[in-house]
Structures are given as C-alpha cells and as structure tokens.
C-alpha cells in the first residue's frame, strides 16, 4: 500500500509532516524545527502507534510513502540543489524562485507546474545516471 506524506513549513518556521489520508483507527504526524526532525518524529509516531495497535489486537498496515513537499520544505531539505540552475531549467527568474523557496512569495499554478515538471525531469535523469 502506498501513502503520501505531506511536508509543510508552518508560519512559525517549524515543519510538519502528516498522512494525506488517515487510516481507519489512527492518523500519523510529525513535527520539528527542520524537515529532517519532522520526518524523524513522524516515524517515531509510527512506531508508537504500531505498539498501540498491536496491544489492542490490530495489525499495523505495512505501507510505503511518497513525500510531497511544499516549496519551502523542498528547498530546505534538498538544500544542496542549485536554485539558480533549477530556475533556469524551469524558465523561472532565479530571484523569484529564491523568494518562493523562502516563503516570501507564493508561486502561481503555472509556475508551480513548470517547477514540478523540471524536478520530474531531473529525477528521471538522476535515476538513469550512474558513476
């Protein structure tokens, strides 16, 4: 079973990750001062919930996750990516993309789609590459 974990940066600068769809008997979420901390907290919540589910006679469902990031969380977690080069490949002004990555501006649907398409292409290229 596949689940999507949404990762978002809150207005106070902290991060949250949570399931886009809850299970019948529980929900999972994690919080932290970084994306990494929020993910760690999410998986700790998973382990705690698994113990509770088993103690109550239920089996914890096995699932794999896909992470869906908001713009700020994405560039925080993948901070090794060159924003200028990604902007150029996307046809987006690099200064504007930096504003998106800091939460100073919000991308419109068209800009978001351009960036999403570019990241999909980069992902494909990396998956096909080896050293």
C-alpha atoms as a PDB file:
ATOM      1  CA  UNK A   1       0.000   0.000   0.000  1.00  0.00           C
ATOM      2  CA  UNK A   2       1.279   3.485  -0.858  1.00  0.00           C
ATOM      3  CA  UNK A   3       0.603   6.575   1.209  1.00  0.00           C
ATOM      4  CA  UNK A   4       1.509  10.200   0.636  1.00  0.00           C
ATOM      5  CA  UNK A   5       3.152  12.158   3.441  1.00  0.00           C
ATOM      6  CA  UNK A   6       2.647  15.905   3.101  1.00  0.00           C
ATOM      7  CA  UNK A   7       5.536  18.053   4.353  1.00  0.00           C
ATOM      8  CA  UNK A   8       4.881  21.732   5.016  1.00  0.00           C
ATOM      9  CA  UNK A   9       6.599  24.661   6.653  1.00  0.00           C
ATOM     10  CA  UNK A  10       4.420  26.482   9.181  1.00  0.00           C
ATOM     11  CA  UNK A  11       4.289  30.256   9.600  1.00  0.00           C
ATOM     12  CA  UNK A  12       6.406  29.958  12.773  1.00  0.00           C
ATOM     13  CA  UNK A  13       9.233  28.318  10.785  1.00  0.00           C
ATOM     14  CA  UNK A  14       8.681  24.780  12.069  1.00  0.00           C
ATOM     15  CA  UNK A  15       7.843  21.822   9.841  1.00  0.00           C
ATOM     16  CA  UNK A  16       5.039  19.284   9.866  1.00  0.00           C
ATOM     17  CA  UNK A  17       4.595  16.024   8.006  1.00  0.00           C
ATOM     18  CA  UNK A  18       1.367  14.058   8.005  1.00  0.00           C
ATOM     19  CA  UNK A  19      -0.534  11.464   6.004  1.00  0.00           C
ATOM     20  CA  UNK A  20      -2.781  12.852   3.303  1.00  0.00           C
ATOM     21  CA  UNK A  21      -5.334  10.154   4.229  1.00  0.00           C
ATOM     22  CA  UNK A  22      -5.776   8.787   7.720  1.00  0.00           C
ATOM     23  CA  UNK A  23      -6.175   5.108   8.477  1.00  0.00           C
ATOM     24  CA  UNK A  24      -9.449   3.877   9.986  1.00  0.00           C
ATOM     25  CA  UNK A  25      -8.181   3.759  13.575  1.00  0.00           C
ATOM     26  CA  UNK A  26      -5.316   6.266  13.618  1.00  0.00           C
ATOM     27  CA  UNK A  27      -3.542   9.160  11.986  1.00  0.00           C
ATOM     28  CA  UNK A  28       0.169   9.884  11.835  1.00  0.00           C
ATOM     29  CA  UNK A  29       2.021  13.206  12.028  1.00  0.00           C
ATOM     30  CA  UNK A  30       5.447  14.511  12.929  1.00  0.00           C
ATOM     31  CA  UNK A  31       6.786  17.947  13.815  1.00  0.00           C
ATOM     32  CA  UNK A  32      10.191  19.556  14.094  1.00  0.00           C
ATOM     33  CA  UNK A  33      12.432  22.547  13.548  1.00  0.00           C
ATOM     34  CA  UNK A  34      13.613  21.040  10.246  1.00  0.00           C
ATOM     35  CA  UNK A  35      12.217  18.685   7.648  1.00  0.00           C
ATOM     36  CA  UNK A  36      14.586  16.015   8.922  1.00  0.00           C
ATOM     37  CA  UNK A  37      13.306  16.399  12.505  1.00  0.00           C
ATOM     38  CA  UNK A  38       9.681  16.295  11.340  1.00  0.00           C
ATOM     39  CA  UNK A  39      10.311  13.104   9.361  1.00  0.00           C
ATOM     40  CA  UNK A  40      12.060  11.514  12.338  1.00  0.00           C
ATOM     41  CA  UNK A  41       9.151  12.476  14.600  1.00  0.00           C
ATOM     42  CA  UNK A  42       6.692  11.059  12.039  1.00  0.00           C
ATOM     43  CA  UNK A  43       8.417   7.659  12.085  1.00  0.00           C
ATOM     44  CA  UNK A  44       8.612   7.707  15.894  1.00  0.00           C
ATOM     45  CA  UNK A  45       4.842   8.311  15.897  1.00  0.00           C
ATOM     46  CA  UNK A  46       4.512   5.358  13.513  1.00  0.00           C
ATOM     47  CA  UNK A  47       6.436   3.080  15.922  1.00  0.00           C
ATOM     48  CA  UNK A  48       4.413   4.289  18.917  1.00  0.00           C
ATOM     49  CA  UNK A  49       1.156   3.783  17.030  1.00  0.00           C
ATOM     50  CA  UNK A  50       2.249   0.317  15.922  1.00  0.00           C
ATOM     51  CA  UNK A  51       2.717  -0.686  19.594  1.00  0.00           C
ATOM     52  CA  UNK A  52      -0.729   0.665  20.475  1.00  0.00           C
ATOM     53  CA  UNK A  53      -2.404  -1.036  17.513  1.00  0.00           C
ATOM     54  CA  UNK A  54      -0.804  -4.387  18.368  1.00  0.00           C
ATOM     55  CA  UNK A  55      -1.658  -4.008  22.070  1.00  0.00           C
ATOM     56  CA  UNK A  56      -5.285  -3.524  21.039  1.00  0.00           C
ATOM     57  CA  UNK A  57      -5.200  -6.637  18.832  1.00  0.00           C
ATOM     58  CA  UNK A  58      -4.942  -4.898  15.480  1.00  0.00           C
ATOM     59  CA  UNK A  59      -2.230  -5.370  12.883  1.00  0.00           C
ATOM     60  CA  UNK A  60      -0.403  -2.254  11.755  1.00  0.00           C
ATOM     61  CA  UNK A  61      -0.740  -1.962   7.982  1.00  0.00           C
ATOM     62  CA  UNK A  62       2.502  -2.067   6.013  1.00  0.00           C
ATOM     63  CA  UNK A  63       2.903   0.825   3.593  1.00  0.00           C
ATOM     64  CA  UNK A  64       5.464   2.749   1.617  1.00  0.00           C
ATOM     65  CA  UNK A  65       5.461   6.515   1.432  1.00  0.00           C
ATOM     66  CA  UNK A  66       5.924   9.181  -1.162  1.00  0.00           C
ATOM     67  CA  UNK A  67       6.804  12.579   0.247  1.00  0.00           C
ATOM     68  CA  UNK A  68       5.042  15.638  -1.146  1.00  0.00           C
ATOM     69  CA  UNK A  69       6.783  18.870  -0.166  1.00  0.00           C
ATOM     70  CA  UNK A  70       5.642  22.452  -0.196  1.00  0.00           C
ATOM     71  CA  UNK A  71       8.137  24.787  -1.866  1.00  0.00           C
ATOM     72  CA  UNK A  72       9.892  25.911   1.337  1.00  0.00           C
ATOM     73  CA  UNK A  73      10.207  22.402   2.751  1.00  0.00           C
ATOM     74  CA  UNK A  74      11.543  21.072  -0.535  1.00  0.00           C
ATOM     75  CA  UNK A  75      14.373  23.583  -0.805  1.00  0.00           C
ATOM     76  CA  UNK A  76      15.131  23.306   2.911  1.00  0.00           C
ATOM     77  CA  UNK A  77      15.511  19.540   2.754  1.00  0.00           C
ATOM     78  CA  UNK A  78      17.277  19.431  -0.601  1.00  0.00           C
ATOM     79  CA  UNK A  79      19.473  22.435   0.155  1.00  0.00           C
ATOM     80  CA  UNK A  80      22.313  21.032  -1.966  1.00  0.00           C
ATOM     81  CA  UNK A  81      20.310  21.794  -5.132  1.00  0.00           C
ATOM     82  CA  UNK A  82      21.372  24.878  -7.064  1.00  0.00           C
ATOM     83  CA  UNK A  83      18.304  27.119  -7.130  1.00  0.00           C
ATOM     84  CA  UNK A  84      19.684  29.258  -9.955  1.00  0.00           C
ATOM     85  CA  UNK A  85      20.206  26.254 -12.239  1.00  0.00           C
ATOM     86  CA  UNK A  86      16.773  24.819 -11.418  1.00  0.00           C
ATOM     87  CA  UNK A  87      15.200  28.203 -12.126  1.00  0.00           C
ATOM     88  CA  UNK A  88      16.982  28.407 -15.460  1.00  0.00           C
ATOM     89  CA  UNK A  89      15.848  24.902 -16.443  1.00  0.00           C
ATOM     90  CA  UNK A  90      12.295  25.808 -15.407  1.00  0.00           C
ATOM     91  CA  UNK A  91      12.237  29.141 -17.211  1.00  0.00           C
ATOM     92  CA  UNK A  92      11.634  30.918 -13.908  1.00  0.00           C
ATOM     93  CA  UNK A  93      13.523  34.014 -12.763  1.00  0.00           C
ATOM     94  CA  UNK A  94      16.169  32.805 -10.247  1.00  0.00           C
ATOM     95  CA  UNK A  95      15.441  35.675  -7.868  1.00  0.00           C
ATOM     96  CA  UNK A  96      11.760  34.801  -7.901  1.00  0.00           C
ATOM     97  CA  UNK A  97      12.487  31.126  -7.224  1.00  0.00           C
ATOM     98  CA  UNK A  98      14.626  32.147  -4.223  1.00  0.00           C
ATOM     99  CA  UNK A  99      11.635  34.133  -2.935  1.00  0.00           C
ATOM    100  CA  UNK A 100       9.432  31.058  -3.361  1.00  0.00           C
ATOM    101  CA  UNK A 101      11.964  28.900  -1.504  1.00  0.00           C
ATOM    102  CA  UNK A 102      11.998  31.328   1.439  1.00  0.00           C
ATOM    103  CA  UNK A 103       8.230  31.753   1.573  1.00  0.00           C
ATOM    104  CA  UNK A 104       8.439  35.430   0.610  1.00  0.00           C
ATOM    105  CA  UNK A 105       6.293  34.850  -2.485  1.00  0.00           C
ATOM    106  CA  UNK A 106       3.858  32.142  -3.496  1.00  0.00           C
ATOM    107  CA  UNK A 107       4.086  30.528  -6.930  1.00  0.00           C
ATOM    108  CA  UNK A 108       1.009  30.543  -9.110  1.00  0.00           C
ATOM    109  CA  UNK A 109      -0.319  27.325 -10.577  1.00  0.00           C
ATOM    110  CA  UNK A 110       1.598  27.811 -13.842  1.00  0.00           C
ATOM    111  CA  UNK A 111       4.925  28.469 -12.091  1.00  0.00           C
ATOM    112  CA  UNK A 112       4.372  25.544  -9.743  1.00  0.00           C
ATOM    113  CA  UNK A 113       3.671  23.254 -12.713  1.00  0.00           C
ATOM    114  CA  UNK A 114       6.819  24.417 -14.525  1.00  0.00           C
ATOM    115  CA  UNK A 115       8.931  23.727 -11.463  1.00  0.00           C
ATOM    116  CA  UNK A 116       7.262  20.377 -10.818  1.00  0.00           C
ATOM    117  CA  UNK A 117       7.847  19.305 -14.421  1.00  0.00           C
ATOM    118  CA  UNK A 118      11.505  20.338 -14.209  1.00  0.00           C
ATOM    119  CA  UNK A 119      12.014  18.387 -10.993  1.00  0.00           C
ATOM    120  CA  UNK A 120      10.407  15.318 -12.589  1.00  0.00           C
ATOM    121  CA  UNK A 121      12.851  15.558 -15.485  1.00  0.00           C
ATOM    122  CA  UNK A 122      15.799  15.941 -13.094  1.00  0.00           C
ATOM    123  CA  UNK A 123      14.576  12.905 -11.134  1.00  0.00           C
ATOM    124  CA  UNK A 124      14.403  10.838 -14.322  1.00  0.00           C
ATOM    125  CA  UNK A 125      17.899  11.933 -15.343  1.00  0.00           C
ATOM    126  CA  UNK A 126      19.329  11.043 -11.925  1.00  0.00           C
ATOM    127  CA  UNK A 127      17.570   7.675 -11.893  1.00  0.00           C
ATOM    128  CA  UNK A 128      19.141   6.844 -15.252  1.00  0.00           C
ATOM    129  CA  UNK A 129      22.641   8.003 -14.244  1.00  0.00           C
ATOM    130  CA  UNK A 130      25.469   6.105 -12.597  1.00  0.00           C
ATOM    131  CA  UNK A 131      29.105   6.715 -11.763  1.00  0.00           C
END
